[in-house]
Amino acid sequence: MNVIELKDIVKTYDMGGAEEVHALRGVSVSIAKNEYVAIMGPSGSGKSTLLNLTGSLDRPSSGKVEISGKSTEKMGKNDIARLRNKEIGFIFQFHHLIPELTARENVILPHLIAGGKKDKVSLKRADDLLDLVGLSKVRDNLVTKMSGGQQQRVAIARALMNRPSIILADEPTGNLDTESSDQIYNIFRKINSDIGTTFVIVTHNRKIAEMTDRIIEITDGMISLDLRR
């Protein structure tokens, strides 16, 4: 079963006047449940644009995006937001945690945004996820008191809070040292293996890409390589 279907995706940015930037030029790709995929390409190739369109953070100029069998083409903003909150977890290079909140409070936030309650069940879910990423002992610490690697692990736990079928990660270890980066990718692989979550990771790091099961390379807005390992 494919959880992501991109069909003939074109994305063009109007830069004013007659100038246009063609970020994506007719990209089609299918990603199955449980896949662990890297998207690579030089700066400006369109890889982050592809990730943003996959996550419905932006809309294509033309083409179709389907998430878990649901087409986003005719969805309104509220419907897309609900689909995104249910099906997709995001992990970015900059973790975007709320500094005034503890690790546990940051993790439970997507559940509250989706209309859930802060009760014993949701708090246990948050605690279980913090345990999964090795942070159970510091769950009540403010995130500002944590290292960069710890903060990114909080962001991973937060992304998993609503049990998404897909995790989209954009250069998730770009600001971390090698040891912290290895820890993050070991966590990703464990989640992929144990829970079956689909991972799509944008990276410029060939070593990281070679840890995945499939490498998709984007060059000048088109897929230049799609290699299953």
C-alpha atoms as a PDB file:
ATOM      1  CA  MET A   1       0.000   0.000   0.000  1.00  0.00           C
ATOM      2  CA  ASN A   2       1.315   3.437  -0.956  1.00  0.00           C
ATOM      3  CA  VAL A   3       0.927   6.107   1.712  1.00  0.00           C
ATOM      4  CA  ILE A   4       2.319   8.857  -0.561  1.00  0.00           C
ATOM      5  CA  GLU A   5       1.439   9.347  -4.229  1.00  0.00           C
ATOM      6  CA  LEU A   6       2.801  12.318  -6.161  1.00  0.00           C
ATOM      7  CA  LYS A   7       1.594  12.501  -9.749  1.00  0.00           C
ATOM      8  CA  ASP A   8       3.075  14.873 -12.351  1.00  0.00           C
ATOM      9  CA  ILE A   9       3.957  17.495  -9.736  1.00  0.00           C
ATOM     10  CA  VAL A  10       4.938  20.897 -11.096  1.00  0.00           C
ATOM     11  CA  LYS A  11       5.841  23.798  -8.829  1.00  0.00           C
ATOM     12  CA  THR A  12       6.577  27.207 -10.292  1.00  0.00           C
ATOM     13  CA  TYR A  13       7.334  30.358  -8.314  1.00  0.00           C
ATOM     14  CA  ASP A  14       6.509  33.756  -9.812  1.00  0.00           C
ATOM     15  CA  MET A  15       9.442  36.039  -9.024  1.00  0.00           C
ATOM     16  CA  GLY A  16       7.779  39.107 -10.502  1.00  0.00           C
ATOM     17  CA  GLY A  17       7.625  40.348 -14.032  1.00  0.00           C
ATOM     18  CA  ALA A  18       8.332  37.650 -16.598  1.00  0.00           C
ATOM     19  CA  GLU A  19      10.695  35.750 -14.312  1.00  0.00           C
ATOM     20  CA  GLU A  20       9.659  32.302 -13.039  1.00  0.00           C
ATOM     21  CA  VAL A  21      11.507  29.659 -11.068  1.00  0.00           C
ATOM     22  CA  HIS A  22      10.643  26.064 -11.949  1.00  0.00           C
ATOM     23  CA  ALA A  23      11.289  24.233  -8.681  1.00  0.00           C
ATOM     24  CA  LEU A  24       9.743  20.932  -9.788  1.00  0.00           C
ATOM     25  CA  ARG A  25       9.126  19.790 -13.349  1.00  0.00           C
ATOM     26  CA  GLY A  26       6.630  16.937 -13.532  1.00  0.00           C
ATOM     27  CA  VAL A  27       7.752  14.743 -10.629  1.00  0.00           C
ATOM     28  CA  SER A  28       5.935  11.458  -9.998  1.00  0.00           C
ATOM     29  CA  VAL A  29       6.826   9.186  -7.104  1.00  0.00           C
ATOM     30  CA  SER A  30       5.096   6.590  -4.932  1.00  0.00           C
ATOM     31  CA  ILE A  31       6.212   5.708  -1.401  1.00  0.00           C
ATOM     32  CA  ALA A  32       4.873   2.633   0.334  1.00  0.00           C
ATOM     33  CA  LYS A  33       3.958   2.049   3.933  1.00  0.00           C
ATOM     34  CA  ASN A  34       7.029   1.234   6.083  1.00  0.00           C
ATOM     35  CA  GLU A  35       9.534   2.574   3.523  1.00  0.00           C
ATOM     36  CA  TYR A  36      12.633   4.393   4.776  1.00  0.00           C
ATOM     37  CA  VAL A  37      13.576   6.872   2.058  1.00  0.00           C
ATOM     38  CA  ALA A  38      16.227   9.549   1.556  1.00  0.00           C
ATOM     39  CA  ILE A  39      15.770  12.469  -0.824  1.00  0.00           C
ATOM     40  CA  MET A  40      19.042  13.964  -2.028  1.00  0.00           C
ATOM     41  CA  GLY A  41      20.133  16.684  -4.394  1.00  0.00           C
ATOM     42  CA  PRO A  42      22.228  19.845  -4.575  1.00  0.00           C
ATOM     43  CA  SER A  43      21.053  23.098  -3.046  1.00  0.00           C
ATOM     44  CA  GLY A  44      18.179  24.517  -5.073  1.00  0.00           C
ATOM     45  CA  SER A  45      17.384  21.203  -6.759  1.00  0.00           C
ATOM     46  CA  GLY A  46      13.820  21.082  -5.398  1.00  0.00           C
ATOM     47  CA  LYS A  47      14.160  18.454  -2.672  1.00  0.00           C
ATOM     48  CA  SER A  48      12.775  20.612   0.162  1.00  0.00           C
ATOM     49  CA  THR A  49      10.007  21.848  -2.133  1.00  0.00           C
ATOM     50  CA  LEU A  50       9.109  18.224  -2.795  1.00  0.00           C
ATOM     51  CA  LEU A  51       8.974  17.512   0.950  1.00  0.00           C
ATOM     52  CA  ASN A  52       6.797  20.570   1.628  1.00  0.00           C
ATOM     53  CA  LEU A  53       4.347  19.559  -1.093  1.00  0.00           C
ATOM     54  CA  THR A  54       4.268  16.003   0.230  1.00  0.00           C
ATOM     55  CA  GLY A  55       3.384  17.367   3.655  1.00  0.00           C
ATOM     56  CA  SER A  56       0.769  19.742   2.186  1.00  0.00           C
ATOM     57  CA  LEU A  57       2.595  22.735   3.627  1.00  0.00           C
ATOM     58  CA  ASP A  58       2.370  24.115   0.089  1.00  0.00           C
ATOM     59  CA  ARG A  59       0.284  23.317  -2.980  1.00  0.00           C
ATOM     60  CA  PRO A  60       1.648  22.313  -6.382  1.00  0.00           C
ATOM     61  CA  SER A  61       1.134  24.515  -9.422  1.00  0.00           C
ATOM     62  CA  SER A  62      -0.229  21.385 -11.087  1.00  0.00           C
ATOM     63  CA  GLY A  63      -0.353  17.673 -10.407  1.00  0.00           C
ATOM     64  CA  LYS A  64      -1.862  15.589  -7.618  1.00  0.00           C
ATOM     65  CA  VAL A  65      -0.810  14.785  -4.065  1.00  0.00           C
ATOM     66  CA  GLU A  66      -2.395  11.833  -2.266  1.00  0.00           C
ATOM     67  CA  ILE A  67      -1.733  11.045   1.386  1.00  0.00           C
ATOM     68  CA  SER A  68      -2.956   7.682   2.695  1.00  0.00           C
ATOM     69  CA  GLY A  69      -5.318   7.437  -0.281  1.00  0.00           C
ATOM     70  CA  LYS A  70      -6.765  10.926   0.175  1.00  0.00           C
ATOM     71  CA  SER A  71      -6.300  13.507  -2.570  1.00  0.00           C
ATOM     72  CA  THR A  72      -5.486  16.988  -1.258  1.00  0.00           C
ATOM     73  CA  GLU A  73      -6.282  18.694  -4.564  1.00  0.00           C
ATOM     74  CA  LYS A  74      -9.745  19.958  -3.624  1.00  0.00           C
ATOM     75  CA  MET A  75      -9.349  20.077   0.143  1.00  0.00           C
ATOM     76  CA  GLY A  76      -9.780  23.354   1.983  1.00  0.00           C
ATOM     77  CA  LYS A  77      -7.214  24.617   4.470  1.00  0.00           C
ATOM     78  CA  ASN A  78      -9.007  23.162   7.487  1.00  0.00           C
ATOM     79  CA  ASP A  79      -9.366  19.712   5.940  1.00  0.00           C
ATOM     80  CA  ILE A  80      -5.710  19.704   4.912  1.00  0.00           C
ATOM     81  CA  ALA A  81      -4.687  20.776   8.415  1.00  0.00           C
ATOM     82  CA  ARG A  82      -6.679  17.903   9.926  1.00  0.00           C
ATOM     83  CA  LEU A  83      -5.190  15.389   7.486  1.00  0.00           C
ATOM     84  CA  ARG A  84      -1.699  16.691   8.171  1.00  0.00           C
ATOM     85  CA  ASN A  85      -2.174  16.555  11.936  1.00  0.00           C
ATOM     86  CA  LYS A  86      -3.435  12.981  11.782  1.00  0.00           C
ATOM     87  CA  GLU A  87      -1.228  11.391   9.132  1.00  0.00           C
ATOM     88  CA  ILE A  88       2.069  13.302   9.111  1.00  0.00           C
ATOM     89  CA  GLY A  89       4.737  14.139  11.656  1.00  0.00           C
ATOM     90  CA  PHE A  90       7.318  16.789  10.788  1.00  0.00           C
ATOM     91  CA  ILE A  91      10.924  17.011  11.971  1.00  0.00           C
ATOM     92  CA  PHE A  92      12.953  20.004  10.813  1.00  0.00           C
ATOM     93  CA  GLN A  93      16.573  21.110  11.119  1.00  0.00           C
ATOM     94  CA  PHE A  94      15.360  23.717  13.593  1.00  0.00           C
ATOM     95  CA  HIS A  95      13.175  21.854  16.047  1.00  0.00           C
ATOM     96  CA  HIS A  96      10.654  24.687  16.718  1.00  0.00           C
ATOM     97  CA  LEU A  97       9.990  23.638  20.302  1.00  0.00           C
ATOM     98  CA  ILE A  98       8.150  25.991  22.664  1.00  0.00           C
ATOM     99  CA  PRO A  99      10.881  27.263  25.017  1.00  0.00           C
ATOM    100  CA  GLU A 100       8.517  28.021  27.891  1.00  0.00           C
ATOM    101  CA  LEU A 101       7.344  24.382  28.005  1.00  0.00           C
ATOM    102  CA  THR A 102       8.899  21.202  29.374  1.00  0.00           C
ATOM    103  CA  ALA A 103       9.831  18.267  27.159  1.00  0.00           C
ATOM    104  CA  ARG A 104       6.633  16.467  28.135  1.00  0.00           C
ATOM    105  CA  GLU A 105       4.474  19.537  27.456  1.00  0.00           C
ATOM    106  CA  ASN A 106       6.051  19.980  24.016  1.00  0.00           C
ATOM    107  CA  VAL A 107       5.439  16.347  23.118  1.00  0.00           C
ATOM    108  CA  ILE A 108       1.745  16.412  24.048  1.00  0.00           C
ATOM    109  CA  LEU A 109       1.085  19.642  22.131  1.00  0.00           C
ATOM    110  CA  PRO A 110      -0.017  18.069  18.783  1.00  0.00           C
ATOM    111  CA  HIS A 111      -2.588  16.003  20.686  1.00  0.00           C
ATOM    112  CA  LEU A 112      -4.038  19.152  22.254  1.00  0.00           C
ATOM    113  CA  ILE A 113      -4.060  20.990  18.911  1.00  0.00           C
ATOM    114  CA  ALA A 114      -6.065  18.098  17.463  1.00  0.00           C
ATOM    115  CA  GLY A 115      -8.682  18.632  20.170  1.00  0.00           C
ATOM    116  CA  GLY A 116      -7.475  15.985  22.592  1.00  0.00           C
ATOM    117  CA  LYS A 117      -7.381  16.290  26.357  1.00  0.00           C
ATOM    118  CA  LYS A 118      -4.446  16.338  28.722  1.00  0.00           C
ATOM    119  CA  ASP A 119      -5.412  13.216  30.637  1.00  0.00           C
ATOM    120  CA  LYS A 120      -3.755  10.063  31.985  1.00  0.00           C
ATOM    121  CA  VAL A 121      -3.855   8.338  28.593  1.00  0.00           C
ATOM    122  CA  SER A 122      -2.261  11.203  26.645  1.00  0.00           C
ATOM    123  CA  LEU A 123       0.324  11.877  29.364  1.00  0.00           C
ATOM    124  CA  LYS A 124       1.311   8.205  29.346  1.00  0.00           C
ATOM    125  CA  ARG A 125       1.611   8.354  25.557  1.00  0.00           C
ATOM    126  CA  ALA A 126       3.954  11.347  25.875  1.00  0.00           C
ATOM    127  CA  ASP A 127       5.978   9.604  28.580  1.00  0.00           C
ATOM    128  CA  ASP A 128       6.264   6.425  26.501  1.00  0.00           C
ATOM    129  CA  LEU A 129       7.558   8.416  23.537  1.00  0.00           C
ATOM    130  CA  LEU A 130      10.108  10.243  25.666  1.00  0.00           C
ATOM    131  CA  ASP A 131      11.230   6.865  26.950  1.00  0.00           C
ATOM    132  CA  LEU A 132      11.510   5.647  23.349  1.00  0.00           C
ATOM    133  CA  VAL A 133      13.929   8.484  22.519  1.00  0.00           C
ATOM    134  CA  GLY A 134      15.845   8.088  25.792  1.00  0.00           C
ATOM    135  CA  LEU A 135      14.603  11.176  27.630  1.00  0.00           C
ATOM    136  CA  SER A 136      12.357   9.800  30.360  1.00  0.00           C
ATOM    137  CA  LYS A 137      14.628  11.150  33.118  1.00  0.00           C
ATOM    138  CA  VAL A 138      14.411  14.739  31.852  1.00  0.00           C
ATOM    139  CA  ARG A 139      10.757  14.843  30.780  1.00  0.00           C
ATOM    140  CA  ASP A 140       9.970  17.687  33.193  1.00  0.00           C
ATOM    141  CA  ASN A 141      12.948  19.828  32.175  1.00  0.00           C
ATOM    142  CA  LEU A 142      12.428  22.975  30.164  1.00  0.00           C
ATOM    143  CA  VAL A 143      13.699  22.357  26.649  1.00  0.00           C
ATOM    144  CA  THR A 144      15.964  25.408  26.963  1.00  0.00           C
ATOM    145  CA  LYS A 145      17.927  23.423  29.554  1.00  0.00           C
ATOM    146  CA  MET A 146      18.613  20.603  27.089  1.00  0.00           C
ATOM    147  CA  SER A 147      21.386  19.999  24.565  1.00  0.00           C
ATOM    148  CA  GLY A 148      20.744  20.275  20.831  1.00  0.00           C
ATOM    149  CA  GLY A 149      20.611  16.500  20.484  1.00  0.00           C
ATOM    150  CA  GLN A 150      18.128  16.201  23.341  1.00  0.00           C
ATOM    151  CA  GLN A 151      15.942  18.928  21.865  1.00  0.00           C
ATOM    152  CA  GLN A 152      15.838  17.131  18.531  1.00  0.00           C
ATOM    153  CA  ARG A 153      14.815  13.935  20.301  1.00  0.00           C
ATOM    154  CA  VAL A 154      11.961  15.850  21.935  1.00  0.00           C
ATOM    155  CA  ALA A 155      10.957  16.975  18.434  1.00  0.00           C
ATOM    156  CA  ILE A 156      10.950  13.333  17.281  1.00  0.00           C
ATOM    157  CA  ALA A 157       8.712  12.306  20.178  1.00  0.00           C
ATOM    158  CA  ARG A 158       6.398  15.247  19.428  1.00  0.00           C
ATOM    159  CA  ALA A 159       6.169  14.218  15.768  1.00  0.00           C
ATOM    160  CA  LEU A 160       5.016  10.749  16.845  1.00  0.00           C
ATOM    161  CA  MET A 161       2.407  11.901  19.386  1.00  0.00           C
ATOM    162  CA  ASN A 162      -0.631  11.507  17.102  1.00  0.00           C
ATOM    163  CA  ARG A 163       0.564   8.163  15.703  1.00  0.00           C
ATOM    164  CA  PRO A 164       1.202   9.444  12.160  1.00  0.00           C
ATOM    165  CA  SER A 165       1.740   6.959   9.368  1.00  0.00           C
ATOM    166  CA  ILE A 166       4.415   9.224   7.832  1.00  0.00           C
ATOM    167  CA  ILE A 167       7.378  11.169   9.217  1.00  0.00           C
ATOM    168  CA  LEU A 168       8.854  13.879   6.987  1.00  0.00           C
ATOM    169  CA  ALA A 169      12.292  15.081   8.093  1.00  0.00           C
ATOM    170  CA  ASP A 170      14.139  18.006   6.488  1.00  0.00           C
ATOM    171  CA  GLU A 171      17.884  17.946   7.296  1.00  0.00           C
ATOM    172  CA  PRO A 172      16.984  16.846  10.849  1.00  0.00           C
ATOM    173  CA  THR A 173      20.584  16.621  12.084  1.00  0.00           C
ATOM    174  CA  GLY A 174      22.050  19.550  10.171  1.00  0.00           C
ATOM    175  CA  ASN A 175      22.935  21.402  13.393  1.00  0.00           C
ATOM    176  CA  LEU A 176      24.164  18.395  15.382  1.00  0.00           C
ATOM    177  CA  ASP A 177      27.543  16.769  15.912  1.00  0.00           C
ATOM    178  CA  THR A 178      28.328  13.335  14.499  1.00  0.00           C
ATOM    179  CA  GLU A 179      27.551  11.428  17.705  1.00  0.00           C
ATOM    180  CA  SER A 180      24.174  13.137  18.151  1.00  0.00           C
ATOM    181  CA  SER A 181      23.352  12.632  14.468  1.00  0.00           C
ATOM    182  CA  ASP A 182      24.066   8.905  14.719  1.00  0.00           C
ATOM    183  CA  GLN A 183      21.798   8.670  17.779  1.00  0.00           C
ATOM    184  CA  ILE A 184      18.963  10.407  15.913  1.00  0.00           C
ATOM    185  CA  TYR A 185      19.211   8.107  12.897  1.00  0.00           C
ATOM    186  CA  ASN A 186      19.359   5.024  15.108  1.00  0.00           C
ATOM    187  CA  ILE A 187      16.099   6.210  16.690  1.00  0.00           C
ATOM    188  CA  PHE A 188      14.573   6.744  13.232  1.00  0.00           C
ATOM    189  CA  ARG A 189      15.484   3.231  12.174  1.00  0.00           C
ATOM    190  CA  LYS A 190      14.125   1.718  15.395  1.00  0.00           C
ATOM    191  CA  ILE A 191      10.808   3.545  14.935  1.00  0.00           C
ATOM    192  CA  ASN A 192      10.645   2.452  11.298  1.00  0.00           C
ATOM    193  CA  SER A 193      11.382  -1.181  12.213  1.00  0.00           C
ATOM    194  CA  ASP A 194       9.324  -1.467  15.409  1.00  0.00           C
ATOM    195  CA  ILE A 195       6.307   0.710  14.614  1.00  0.00           C
ATOM    196  CA  GLY A 196       6.262   0.605  10.808  1.00  0.00           C
ATOM    197  CA  THR A 197       6.259   4.378  10.360  1.00  0.00           C
ATOM    198  CA  THR A 198       7.208   5.575   6.871  1.00  0.00           C
ATOM    199  CA  PHE A 199      10.198   7.942   6.852  1.00  0.00           C
ATOM    200  CA  VAL A 200      11.072  10.427   4.108  1.00  0.00           C
ATOM    201  CA  ILE A 201      14.300  12.262   4.938  1.00  0.00           C
ATOM    202  CA  VAL A 202      15.788  15.164   2.997  1.00  0.00           C
ATOM    203  CA  THR A 203      19.561  15.166   3.402  1.00  0.00           C
ATOM    204  CA  HIS A 204      22.707  16.278   1.612  1.00  0.00           C
ATOM    205  CA  ASN A 205      24.777  13.716   3.526  1.00  0.00           C
ATOM    206  CA  ARG A 206      25.615  10.651   1.444  1.00  0.00           C
ATOM    207  CA  LYS A 207      26.522   8.619   4.549  1.00  0.00           C
ATOM    208  CA  ILE A 208      23.057   9.227   6.011  1.00  0.00           C
ATOM    209  CA  ALA A 209      21.342   8.445   2.705  1.00  0.00           C
ATOM    210  CA  GLU A 210      23.156   5.124   2.478  1.00  0.00           C
ATOM    211  CA  MET A 211      21.596   4.130   5.815  1.00  0.00           C
ATOM    212  CA  THR A 212      18.144   4.183   4.192  1.00  0.00           C
ATOM    213  CA  ASP A 213      16.422   1.594   2.000  1.00  0.00           C
ATOM    214  CA  ARG A 214      15.815   3.876  -0.976  1.00  0.00           C
ATOM    215  CA  ILE A 215      17.540   6.965  -2.363  1.00  0.00           C
ATOM    216  CA  ILE A 216      15.692   9.449  -4.573  1.00  0.00           C
ATOM    217  CA  GLU A 217      17.873  12.137  -6.126  1.00  0.00           C
ATOM    218  CA  ILE A 218      16.449  15.406  -7.460  1.00  0.00           C
ATOM    219  CA  THR A 219      18.352  17.390 -10.076  1.00  0.00           C
ATOM    220  CA  ASP A 220      16.997  20.604 -11.607  1.00  0.00           C
ATOM    221  CA  GLY A 221      13.478  19.826 -10.385  1.00  0.00           C
ATOM    222  CA  MET A 222      13.340  16.281 -11.787  1.00  0.00           C
ATOM    223  CA  ILE A 223      14.071  12.829 -10.427  1.00  0.00           C
ATOM    224  CA  SER A 224      17.497  11.800 -11.681  1.00  0.00           C
ATOM    225  CA  LEU A 225      17.850   8.613  -9.605  1.00  0.00           C
ATOM    226  CA  ASP A 226      15.451   6.302  -7.757  1.00  0.00           C
ATOM    227  CA  LEU A 227      17.481   3.499  -6.202  1.00  0.00           C
ATOM    228  CA  ARG A 228      16.103   0.804  -3.913  1.00  0.00           C
ATOM    229  CA  ARG A 229      18.870  -0.776  -1.899  1.00  0.00           C
END
